[in-house]
Amino acid sequence: MDTLKTTRTIRHIAFVCLHGSAKSVIAAEYLNRVAAKRGLALHAFSAGREPDPDIPQNVVVGLREKGFDVSGRTPATANAATLAHADEVIAFGCDLGQDAGGKPQRQWSDCPAVSDDFAAAWAYIVAHVDELVAAPVK
């Protein structure tokens, strides 16, 4: 009897914000949770154009309340080498220039500041990620 093997290609999404420590982290964590729960072949990572040395406490606490543990994580730098691993790049108001390497890009630049209102930023990001995973892959 022949056995059929199916391989799924994982689509990698890079979320980029200025400091790589708030909006992009929230988006990547949430997308990875949704993908795991739904069995979707998606993986997200976060990075920043000017990364902070660590994730701010309000983000750590806000995400902990949502069931995510990002304590001790260090934001990555968004550059050509980091973004080379992405199939698509979603930026929160950052100009990626040539670093995106011609990959498809989206801008979610109207996201509220996490430092001003975690709940509003969370709601914005969750809604956009839910739309992203519901849309067919082109």
Protein backbone atom coordinates (compact mmCIF):
# COMPACT_ATOMS: atom_id res chain seq x y z
CA MET A 1 0.00 0.00 0.00
CA ASP A 2 1.34 3.43 -0.94
CA THR A 3 1.48 6.07 1.71
CA LEU A 4 0.90 9.63 0.69
CA LYS A 5 3.04 12.22 2.36
CA THR A 6 1.84 15.74 2.58
CA THR A 7 4.16 18.58 3.29
CA ARG A 8 2.98 22.00 4.14
CA THR A 9 5.09 24.98 3.42
CA ILE A 10 5.14 27.28 6.39
CA ARG A 11 4.48 30.92 5.54
CA HIS A 12 6.73 33.18 7.62
CA ILE A 13 5.41 36.61 8.58
CA ALA A 14 7.75 39.28 9.94
CA PHE A 15 6.13 41.94 12.10
CA VAL A 16 8.28 45.07 12.36
CA CYS A 17 7.84 48.10 14.58
CA LEU A 18 10.28 50.83 15.48
CA HIS A 19 11.56 49.30 18.72
CA GLY A 20 10.64 45.65 18.13
CA SER A 21 9.33 45.44 21.65
CA ALA A 22 5.60 46.12 21.62
CA LYS A 23 3.35 46.09 18.52
CA SER A 24 5.43 43.57 16.59
CA VAL A 25 5.79 41.31 19.63
CA ILE A 26 2.06 41.36 20.32
CA ALA A 27 1.26 40.60 16.67
CA ALA A 28 3.76 37.74 16.40
CA GLU A 29 2.73 36.13 19.67
CA TYR A 30 -0.96 36.33 18.81
CA LEU A 31 -0.53 35.06 15.24
CA ASN A 32 1.56 32.10 16.42
CA ARG A 33 -1.10 31.17 18.98
CA VAL A 34 -3.91 31.39 16.41
CA ALA A 35 -1.90 29.37 13.88
CA ALA A 36 -1.17 26.65 16.44
CA LYS A 37 -4.80 26.43 17.58
CA ARG A 38 -6.14 26.27 14.01
CA GLY A 39 -3.39 24.07 12.56
CA LEU A 40 -2.34 26.78 10.11
CA ALA A 41 1.03 26.65 8.37
CA LEU A 42 2.01 30.11 9.59
CA HIS A 43 4.84 31.33 11.78
CA ALA A 44 5.49 34.91 12.84
CA PHE A 45 8.47 36.69 14.29
CA SER A 46 9.04 40.23 15.47
CA ALA A 47 11.82 42.74 14.95
CA GLY A 48 12.52 46.45 15.24
CA ARG A 49 14.29 49.07 13.17
CA GLU A 50 15.81 50.56 16.34
CA PRO A 51 15.32 47.72 18.83
CA ASP A 52 14.97 48.34 22.53
CA PRO A 53 17.31 46.41 24.84
CA ASP A 54 14.29 44.60 26.32
CA ILE A 55 10.52 44.40 26.19
CA PRO A 56 8.85 47.12 28.30
CA GLN A 57 7.18 46.03 31.50
CA ASN A 58 3.70 47.17 30.39
CA VAL A 59 3.96 44.84 27.38
CA VAL A 60 5.25 41.94 29.49
CA VAL A 61 2.39 42.41 31.97
CA GLY A 62 -0.27 42.99 29.30
CA LEU A 63 0.74 39.88 27.39
CA ARG A 64 1.02 37.83 30.58
CA GLU A 65 -2.61 38.71 31.30
CA LYS A 66 -3.44 37.28 27.85
CA GLY A 67 -1.51 34.07 28.56
CA PHE A 68 1.79 34.89 26.83
CA ASP A 69 5.22 34.88 28.46
CA VAL A 70 7.67 37.25 26.80
CA SER A 71 9.73 38.00 29.91
CA GLY A 72 13.44 37.80 29.27
CA ARG A 73 13.09 38.15 25.52
CA THR A 74 15.33 40.55 23.63
CA PRO A 75 13.99 42.41 20.58
CA ALA A 76 15.66 41.49 17.29
CA THR A 77 16.95 43.95 14.72
CA ALA A 78 14.95 44.28 11.50
CA ASN A 79 17.54 44.23 8.74
CA ALA A 80 18.05 42.46 5.42
CA ALA A 81 19.43 39.32 7.10
CA THR A 82 16.56 39.04 9.57
CA LEU A 83 13.85 39.78 7.01
CA ALA A 84 15.34 37.34 4.48
CA HIS A 85 13.51 34.58 6.40
CA ALA A 86 10.09 36.19 5.87
CA ASP A 87 7.61 35.52 3.10
CA GLU A 88 5.75 38.69 3.97
CA VAL A 89 6.54 41.75 6.08
CA ILE A 90 3.99 43.73 8.06
CA ALA A 91 5.27 47.03 9.40
CA PHE A 92 3.78 49.28 12.01
CA GLY A 93 4.71 52.59 10.39
CA CYS A 94 8.34 51.69 9.70
CA ASP A 95 10.11 52.36 6.44
CA LEU A 96 11.89 49.14 5.59
CA GLY A 97 13.58 50.37 2.43
CA GLN A 98 15.62 47.69 0.69
CA ASP A 99 15.78 45.53 3.82
CA ALA A 100 12.50 43.83 2.91
CA GLY A 101 14.22 42.38 -0.14
CA GLY A 102 11.26 42.87 -2.45
CA LYS A 103 8.96 40.76 -0.30
CA PRO A 104 5.28 41.67 -0.04
CA GLN A 105 4.75 44.38 2.54
CA ARG A 106 1.76 45.74 4.40
CA GLN A 107 1.58 48.79 6.61
CA TRP A 108 -0.49 48.79 9.78
CA SER A 109 0.60 52.31 10.64
CA ASP A 110 -2.63 53.44 12.31
CA CYS A 111 -2.23 51.10 15.30
CA PRO A 112 -2.60 52.91 18.63
CA ALA A 113 0.55 53.25 20.73
CA VAL A 114 0.93 50.39 23.19
CA SER A 115 2.49 52.76 25.72
CA ASP A 116 -0.66 54.93 25.64
CA ASP A 117 -3.30 52.20 25.67
CA PHE A 118 -2.40 48.50 25.70
CA ALA A 119 -6.04 47.43 25.36
CA ALA A 120 -6.64 49.58 22.25
CA ALA A 121 -3.43 48.39 20.61
CA TRP A 122 -4.29 44.77 21.49
CA ALA A 123 -7.78 45.11 19.95
CA TYR A 124 -6.36 46.67 16.76
CA ILE A 125 -3.66 44.02 16.37
CA VAL A 126 -5.96 41.08 17.12
CA ALA A 127 -8.52 42.29 14.57
CA HIS A 128 -5.87 42.73 11.89
CA VAL A 129 -4.21 39.37 12.57
CA ASP A 130 -7.62 37.65 12.50
CA GLU A 131 -8.25 39.24 9.08
CA LEU A 132 -4.81 38.18 7.92
CA VAL A 133 -5.29 34.52 8.81
CA ALA A 134 -8.80 34.46 7.37
CA ALA A 135 -7.68 35.78 3.98
CA PRO A 136 -6.67 33.25 1.34
CA VAL A 137 -2.97 33.10 0.54
CA LYS A 138 -2.21 34.69 -2.81
